């Protein structure tokens, strides 16, 4: 567990190619967020959908940053 805690709270300086992946994920998620905003009426559910989308991008970025080996990144 100690190694996992260290890994989860470590600063990860972006490696070659990672910044572009982060940007693409954010860009695509932003498009979906705008679509949700356009199609869905104002509601708790709409707010949760946007929040979960933000969380999804955060976790996707974490998976890129936290991968131990470059070979783990696709």
PDB file of N, CA and C in Angstrom:
ATOM      1  N   UNK A   1       0.815  -1.192   0.000  1.00  0.00           N
ATOM      2  CA  UNK A   1       0.000   0.000   0.000  1.00  0.00           C
ATOM      3  C   UNK A   1       0.860   1.258   0.000  1.00  0.00           C
ATOM      4  N   UNK A   2       1.995   1.214   0.691  1.00  0.00           N
ATOM      5  CA  UNK A   2       2.868   2.388   0.744  1.00  0.00           C
ATOM      6  C   UNK A   2       3.303   2.814  -0.656  1.00  0.00           C
ATOM      7  N   UNK A   3       3.662   1.853  -1.505  1.00  0.00           N
ATOM      8  CA  UNK A   3       4.085   2.184  -2.867  1.00  0.00           C
ATOM      9  C   UNK A   3       2.946   2.823  -3.662  1.00  0.00           C
ATOM     10  N   UNK A   4       1.736   2.309  -3.472  1.00  0.00           N
ATOM     11  CA  UNK A   4       0.584   2.873  -4.171  1.00  0.00           C
ATOM     12  C   UNK A   4       0.327   4.305  -3.718  1.00  0.00           C
ATOM     13  N   UNK A   5       0.418   4.562  -2.436  1.00  0.00           N
ATOM     14  CA  UNK A   5       0.224   5.924  -1.925  1.00  0.00           C
ATOM     15  C   UNK A   5       1.283   6.851  -2.497  1.00  0.00           C
ATOM     16  N   UNK A   6       2.532   6.411  -2.479  1.00  0.00           N
ATOM     17  CA  UNK A   6       3.614   7.230  -3.047  1.00  0.00           C
ATOM     18  C   UNK A   6       3.338   7.523  -4.517  1.00  0.00           C
ATOM     19  N   UNK A   7       2.916   6.518  -5.260  1.00  0.00           N
ATOM     20  CA  UNK A   7       2.641   6.669  -6.684  1.00  0.00           C
ATOM     21  C   UNK A   7       1.469   7.620  -6.930  1.00  0.00           C
ATOM     22  N   UNK A   8       0.429   7.512  -6.119  1.00  0.00           N
ATOM     23  CA  UNK A   8      -0.779   8.310  -6.328  1.00  0.00           C
ATOM     24  C   UNK A   8      -0.601   9.787  -5.991  1.00  0.00           C
ATOM     25  N   UNK A   9       0.341  10.103  -5.119  1.00  0.00           N
ATOM     26  CA  UNK A   9       0.513  11.491  -4.692  1.00  0.00           C
ATOM     27  C   UNK A   9       1.814  12.113  -5.185  1.00  0.00           C
ATOM     28  N   UNK A  10       2.440  11.484  -6.112  1.00  0.00           N
ATOM     29  CA  UNK A  10       3.693  11.959  -6.686  1.00  0.00           C
ATOM     30  C   UNK A  10       3.397  12.956  -7.811  1.00  0.00           C
ATOM     31  N   UNK A  11       4.280  13.941  -7.974  1.00  0.00           N
ATOM     32  CA  UNK A  11       4.186  14.840  -9.119  1.00  0.00           C
ATOM     33  C   UNK A  11       4.790  14.138 -10.323  1.00  0.00           C
ATOM     34  N   UNK A  12       4.095  14.172 -11.420  1.00  0.00           N
ATOM     35  CA  UNK A  12       4.572  13.560 -12.654  1.00  0.00           C
ATOM     36  C   UNK A  12       4.803  14.637 -13.691  1.00  0.00           C
ATOM     37  N   UNK A  13       6.052  14.910 -13.962  1.00  0.00           N
ATOM     38  CA  UNK A  13       6.387  15.850 -15.030  1.00  0.00           C
ATOM     39  C   UNK A  13       6.019  15.178 -16.348  1.00  0.00           C
ATOM     40  N   UNK A  14       5.297  15.882 -17.224  1.00  0.00           N
ATOM     41  CA  UNK A  14       4.896  15.261 -18.484  1.00  0.00           C
ATOM     42  C   UNK A  14       6.097  14.789 -19.303  1.00  0.00           C
ATOM     43  N   UNK A  15       5.958  13.589 -19.826  1.00  0.00           N
ATOM     44  CA  UNK A  15       6.976  13.015 -20.704  1.00  0.00           C
ATOM     45  C   UNK A  15       6.583  13.304 -22.144  1.00  0.00           C
ATOM     46  N   UNK A  16       7.485  12.995 -23.035  1.00  0.00           N
ATOM     47  CA  UNK A  16       7.258  13.233 -24.461  1.00  0.00           C
ATOM     48  C   UNK A  16       5.947  12.604 -24.910  1.00  0.00           C
ATOM     49  N   UNK A  17       5.094  13.407 -25.527  1.00  0.00           N
ATOM     50  CA  UNK A  17       3.843  12.921 -26.084  1.00  0.00           C
ATOM     51  C   UNK A  17       2.663  12.939 -25.133  1.00  0.00           C
ATOM     52  N   UNK A  18       2.916  13.080 -23.850  1.00  0.00           N
ATOM     53  CA  UNK A  18       1.811  13.043 -22.897  1.00  0.00           C
ATOM     54  C   UNK A  18       0.948  14.300 -22.957  1.00  0.00           C
ATOM     55  N   UNK A  19       1.559  15.450 -23.111  1.00  0.00           N
ATOM     56  CA  UNK A  19       0.799  16.701 -23.144  1.00  0.00           C
ATOM     57  C   UNK A  19      -0.218  16.681 -24.269  1.00  0.00           C
ATOM     58  N   UNK A  20       0.155  16.148 -25.407  1.00  0.00           N
ATOM     59  CA  UNK A  20      -0.762  16.066 -26.534  1.00  0.00           C
ATOM     60  C   UNK A  20      -1.946  15.161 -26.203  1.00  0.00           C
ATOM     61  N   UNK A  21      -1.696  14.083 -25.486  1.00  0.00           N
ATOM     62  CA  UNK A  21      -2.778  13.176 -25.080  1.00  0.00           C
ATOM     63  C   UNK A  21      -3.723  13.875 -24.110  1.00  0.00           C
ATOM     64  N   UNK A  22      -3.162  14.600 -23.149  1.00  0.00           N
ATOM     65  CA  UNK A  22      -3.991  15.354 -22.205  1.00  0.00           C
ATOM     66  C   UNK A  22      -4.875  16.356 -22.950  1.00  0.00           C
ATOM     67  N   UNK A  23      -4.276  17.080 -23.883  1.00  0.00           N
ATOM     68  CA  UNK A  23      -5.011  18.093 -24.642  1.00  0.00           C
ATOM     69  C   UNK A  23      -6.151  17.469 -25.448  1.00  0.00           C
ATOM     70  N   UNK A  24      -5.886  16.325 -26.078  1.00  0.00           N
ATOM     71  CA  UNK A  24      -6.914  15.662 -26.874  1.00  0.00           C
ATOM     72  C   UNK A  24      -8.067  15.184 -25.997  1.00  0.00           C
ATOM     73  N   UNK A  25      -7.748  14.587 -24.867  1.00  0.00           N
ATOM     74  CA  UNK A  25      -8.804  14.147 -23.958  1.00  0.00           C
ATOM     75  C   UNK A  25      -9.672  15.321 -23.504  1.00  0.00           C
ATOM     76  N   UNK A  26      -9.040  16.424 -23.104  1.00  0.00           N
ATOM     77  CA  UNK A  26      -9.798  17.600 -22.663  1.00  0.00           C
ATOM     78  C   UNK A  26     -10.652  18.176 -23.784  1.00  0.00           C
ATOM     79  N   UNK A  27     -10.101  18.231 -24.980  1.00  0.00           N
ATOM     80  CA  UNK A  27     -10.818  18.790 -26.120  1.00  0.00           C
ATOM     81  C   UNK A  27     -12.071  17.969 -26.449  1.00  0.00           C
ATOM     82  N   UNK A  28     -11.906  16.666 -26.495  1.00  0.00           N
ATOM     83  CA  UNK A  28     -13.049  15.802 -26.813  1.00  0.00           C
ATOM     84  C   UNK A  28     -14.093  15.846 -25.705  1.00  0.00           C
ATOM     85  N   UNK A  29     -13.651  15.867 -24.458  1.00  0.00           N
ATOM     86  CA  UNK A  29     -14.582  15.937 -23.334  1.00  0.00           C
ATOM     87  C   UNK A  29     -15.335  17.262 -23.339  1.00  0.00           C
ATOM     88  N   UNK A  30     -14.642  18.338 -23.715  1.00  0.00           N
ATOM     89  CA  UNK A  30     -15.293  19.645 -23.764  1.00  0.00           C
ATOM     90  C   UNK A  30     -16.401  19.652 -24.817  1.00  0.00           C
ATOM     91  N   UNK A  31     -16.153  19.009 -25.947  1.00  0.00           N
ATOM     92  CA  UNK A  31     -17.192  18.920 -26.974  1.00  0.00           C
ATOM     93  C   UNK A  31     -18.408  18.173 -26.434  1.00  0.00           C
ATOM     94  N   UNK A  32     -18.180  17.066 -25.739  1.00  0.00           N
ATOM     95  CA  UNK A  32     -19.281  16.313 -25.158  1.00  0.00           C
ATOM     96  C   UNK A  32     -19.999  17.133 -24.087  1.00  0.00           C
ATOM     97  N   UNK A  33     -19.245  17.875 -23.290  1.00  0.00           N
ATOM     98  CA  UNK A  33     -19.859  18.727 -22.263  1.00  0.00           C
ATOM     99  C   UNK A  33     -20.783  19.767 -22.905  1.00  0.00           C
ATOM    100  N   UNK A  34     -20.348  20.353 -24.013  1.00  0.00           N
ATOM    101  CA  UNK A  34     -21.201  21.325 -24.708  1.00  0.00           C
ATOM    102  C   UNK A  34     -22.464  20.649 -25.252  1.00  0.00           C
ATOM    103  N   UNK A  35     -22.327  19.420 -25.746  1.00  0.00           N
ATOM    104  CA  UNK A  35     -23.490  18.694 -26.248  1.00  0.00           C
ATOM    105  C   UNK A  35     -24.468  18.384 -25.112  1.00  0.00           C
ATOM    106  N   UNK A  36     -23.947  17.940 -23.988  1.00  0.00           N
ATOM    107  CA  UNK A  36     -24.793  17.684 -22.817  1.00  0.00           C
ATOM    108  C   UNK A  36     -25.509  18.960 -22.403  1.00  0.00           C
ATOM    109  N   UNK A  37     -24.774  20.066 -22.379  1.00  0.00           N
ATOM    110  CA  UNK A  37     -25.368  21.353 -21.997  1.00  0.00           C
ATOM    111  C   UNK A  37     -26.484  21.760 -22.954  1.00  0.00           C
ATOM    112  N   UNK A  38     -26.283  21.501 -24.239  1.00  0.00           N
ATOM    113  CA  UNK A  38     -27.257  21.868 -25.261  1.00  0.00           C
ATOM    114  C   UNK A  38     -28.513  20.992 -25.195  1.00  0.00           C
ATOM    115  N   UNK A  39     -28.332  19.689 -24.989  1.00  0.00           N
ATOM    116  CA  UNK A  39     -29.447  18.754 -25.103  1.00  0.00           C
ATOM    117  C   UNK A  39     -30.202  18.497 -23.810  1.00  0.00           C
ATOM    118  N   UNK A  40     -29.548  18.675 -22.706  1.00  0.00           N
ATOM    119  CA  UNK A  40     -30.150  18.300 -21.426  1.00  0.00           C
ATOM    120  C   UNK A  40     -30.703  19.516 -20.692  1.00  0.00           C
ATOM    121  N   UNK A  41     -31.889  19.360 -20.110  1.00  0.00           N
ATOM    122  CA  UNK A  41     -32.435  20.470 -19.321  1.00  0.00           C
ATOM    123  C   UNK A  41     -31.632  20.656 -18.035  1.00  0.00           C
ATOM    124  N   UNK A  42     -31.628  21.866 -17.527  1.00  0.00           N
ATOM    125  CA  UNK A  42     -30.945  22.140 -16.269  1.00  0.00           C
ATOM    126  C   UNK A  42     -31.506  21.256 -15.161  1.00  0.00           C
ATOM    127  N   UNK A  43     -30.640  20.487 -14.540  1.00  0.00           N
ATOM    128  CA  UNK A  43     -31.090  19.557 -13.502  1.00  0.00           C
ATOM    129  C   UNK A  43     -29.881  19.035 -12.737  1.00  0.00           C
ATOM    130  N   UNK A  44     -30.167  18.381 -11.643  1.00  0.00           N
ATOM    131  CA  UNK A  44     -29.118  17.727 -10.866  1.00  0.00           C
ATOM    132  C   UNK A  44     -28.414  16.687 -11.739  1.00  0.00           C
ATOM    133  N   UNK A  45     -29.197  15.963 -12.537  1.00  0.00           N
ATOM    134  CA  UNK A  45     -28.633  14.921 -13.395  1.00  0.00           C
ATOM    135  C   UNK A  45     -27.665  15.491 -14.435  1.00  0.00           C
ATOM    136  N   UNK A  46     -28.037  16.647 -14.977  1.00  0.00           N
ATOM    137  CA  UNK A  46     -27.141  17.305 -15.938  1.00  0.00           C
ATOM    138  C   UNK A  46     -25.843  17.718 -15.250  1.00  0.00           C
ATOM    139  N   UNK A  47     -25.955  18.287 -14.073  1.00  0.00           N
ATOM    140  CA  UNK A  47     -24.758  18.681 -13.318  1.00  0.00           C
ATOM    141  C   UNK A  47     -23.884  17.473 -13.012  1.00  0.00           C
ATOM    142  N   UNK A  48     -24.519  16.364 -12.635  1.00  0.00           N
ATOM    143  CA  UNK A  48     -23.749  15.144 -12.358  1.00  0.00           C
ATOM    144  C   UNK A  48     -23.070  14.618 -13.619  1.00  0.00           C
ATOM    145  N   UNK A  49     -23.754  14.687 -14.749  1.00  0.00           N
ATOM    146  CA  UNK A  49     -23.158  14.229 -16.007  1.00  0.00           C
ATOM    147  C   UNK A  49     -21.893  15.024 -16.325  1.00  0.00           C
ATOM    148  N   UNK A  50     -21.949  16.338 -16.144  1.00  0.00           N
ATOM    149  CA  UNK A  50     -20.774  17.183 -16.389  1.00  0.00           C
ATOM    150  C   UNK A  50     -19.673  16.868 -15.383  1.00  0.00           C
ATOM    151  N   UNK A  51     -20.044  16.702 -14.125  1.00  0.00           N
ATOM    152  CA  UNK A  51     -19.055  16.372 -13.093  1.00  0.00           C
ATOM    153  C   UNK A  51     -18.383  15.047 -13.385  1.00  0.00           C
ATOM    154  N   UNK A  52     -19.166  14.047 -13.764  1.00  0.00           N
ATOM    155  CA  UNK A  52     -18.592  12.728 -14.055  1.00  0.00           C
ATOM    156  C   UNK A  52     -17.692  12.783 -15.291  1.00  0.00           C
ATOM    157  N   UNK A  53     -18.028  13.624 -16.235  1.00  0.00           N
ATOM    158  CA  UNK A  53     -17.168  13.810 -17.408  1.00  0.00           C
ATOM    159  C   UNK A  53     -15.834  14.420 -16.991  1.00  0.00           C
ATOM    160  N   UNK A  54     -15.881  15.420 -16.110  1.00  0.00           N
ATOM    161  CA  UNK A  54     -14.645  16.005 -15.579  1.00  0.00           C
ATOM    162  C   UNK A  54     -13.817  14.942 -14.865  1.00  0.00           C
ATOM    163  N   UNK A  55     -14.485  14.122 -14.054  1.00  0.00           N
ATOM    164  CA  UNK A  55     -13.787  13.047 -13.340  1.00  0.00           C
ATOM    165  C   UNK A  55     -13.159  12.058 -14.316  1.00  0.00           C
ATOM    166  N   UNK A  56     -13.881  11.741 -15.370  1.00  0.00           N
ATOM    167  CA  UNK A  56     -13.374  10.804 -16.366  1.00  0.00           C
ATOM    168  C   UNK A  56     -12.074  11.311 -17.000  1.00  0.00           C
ATOM    169  N   UNK A  57     -12.051  12.586 -17.344  1.00  0.00           N
ATOM    170  CA  UNK A  57     -10.840  13.174 -17.923  1.00  0.00           C
ATOM    171  C   UNK A  57      -9.706  13.154 -16.898  1.00  0.00           C
ATOM    172  N   UNK A  58     -10.030  13.474 -15.659  1.00  0.00           N
ATOM    173  CA  UNK A  58      -9.014  13.473 -14.606  1.00  0.00           C
ATOM    174  C   UNK A  58      -8.391  12.084 -14.465  1.00  0.00           C
ATOM    175  N   UNK A  59      -9.227  11.052 -14.396  1.00  0.00           N
ATOM    176  CA  UNK A  59      -8.704   9.697 -14.237  1.00  0.00           C
ATOM    177  C   UNK A  59      -7.967   9.217 -15.480  1.00  0.00           C
ATOM    178  N   UNK A  60      -8.440   9.600 -16.649  1.00  0.00           N
ATOM    179  CA  UNK A  60      -7.729   9.238 -17.883  1.00  0.00           C
ATOM    180  C   UNK A  60      -6.346   9.890 -17.903  1.00  0.00           C
ATOM    181  N   UNK A  61      -6.279  11.164 -17.516  1.00  0.00           N
ATOM    182  CA  UNK A  61      -4.982  11.841 -17.443  1.00  0.00           C
ATOM    183  C   UNK A  61      -4.078  11.183 -16.402  1.00  0.00           C
ATOM    184  N   UNK A  62      -4.654  10.790 -15.274  1.00  0.00           N
ATOM    185  CA  UNK A  62      -3.864  10.115 -14.246  1.00  0.00           C
ATOM    186  C   UNK A  62      -3.310   8.793 -14.769  1.00  0.00           C
ATOM    187  N   UNK A  63      -4.098   8.083 -15.557  1.00  0.00           N
ATOM    188  CA  UNK A  63      -3.603   6.810 -16.088  1.00  0.00           C
ATOM    189  C   UNK A  63      -2.400   7.020 -17.008  1.00  0.00           C
ATOM    190  N   UNK A  64      -2.413   8.112 -17.746  1.00  0.00           N
ATOM    191  CA  UNK A  64      -1.281   8.441 -18.613  1.00  0.00           C
ATOM    192  C   UNK A  64      -0.072   8.830 -17.766  1.00  0.00           C
ATOM    193  N   UNK A  65      -0.301   9.711 -16.806  1.00  0.00           N
ATOM    194  CA  UNK A  65       0.802  10.222 -15.986  1.00  0.00           C
ATOM    195  C   UNK A  65       1.420   9.142 -15.110  1.00  0.00           C
ATOM    196  N   UNK A  66       0.594   8.269 -14.557  1.00  0.00           N
ATOM    197  CA  UNK A  66       1.069   7.301 -13.571  1.00  0.00           C
ATOM    198  C   UNK A  66       1.623   6.020 -14.169  1.00  0.00           C
ATOM    199  N   UNK A  67       1.489   5.830 -15.465  1.00  0.00           N
ATOM    200  CA  UNK A  67       1.989   4.582 -16.040  1.00  0.00           C
ATOM    201  C   UNK A  67       3.487   4.482 -15.797  1.00  0.00           C
ATOM    202  N   UNK A  68       3.919   3.329 -15.327  1.00  0.00           N
ATOM    203  CA  UNK A  68       5.303   3.119 -14.921  1.00  0.00           C
ATOM    204  C   UNK A  68       6.224   3.004 -16.130  1.00  0.00           C
ATOM    205  N   UNK A  69       5.803   2.252 -17.099  1.00  0.00           N
ATOM    206  CA  UNK A  69       6.629   1.999 -18.263  1.00  0.00           C
ATOM    207  C   UNK A  69       6.040   2.702 -19.477  1.00  0.00           C
ATOM    208  N   UNK A  70       6.877   3.233 -20.332  1.00  0.00           N
ATOM    209  CA  UNK A  70       6.390   3.839 -21.560  1.00  0.00           C
ATOM    210  C   UNK A  70       5.599   2.826 -22.372  1.00  0.00           C
ATOM    211  N   UNK A  71       5.976   1.563 -22.307  1.00  0.00           N
ATOM    212  CA  UNK A  71       5.270   0.522 -23.044  1.00  0.00           C
ATOM    213  C   UNK A  71       3.839   0.361 -22.621  1.00  0.00           C
ATOM    214  N   UNK A  72       3.456   0.842 -21.439  1.00  0.00           N
ATOM    215  CA  UNK A  72       2.082   0.735 -20.964  1.00  0.00           C
ATOM    216  C   UNK A  72       1.189   1.777 -21.622  1.00  0.00           C
ATOM    217  N   UNK A  73       1.792   2.804 -22.206  1.00  0.00           N
ATOM    218  CA  UNK A  73       0.995   3.848 -22.828  1.00  0.00           C
ATOM    219  C   UNK A  73       0.778   3.497 -24.285  1.00  0.00           C
ATOM    220  N   UNK A  74      -0.441   3.709 -24.726  1.00  0.00           N
ATOM    221  CA  UNK A  74      -0.775   3.406 -26.122  1.00  0.00           C
ATOM    222  C   UNK A  74      -1.084   4.676 -26.856  1.00  0.00           C
TER     223      UNK A  74
END
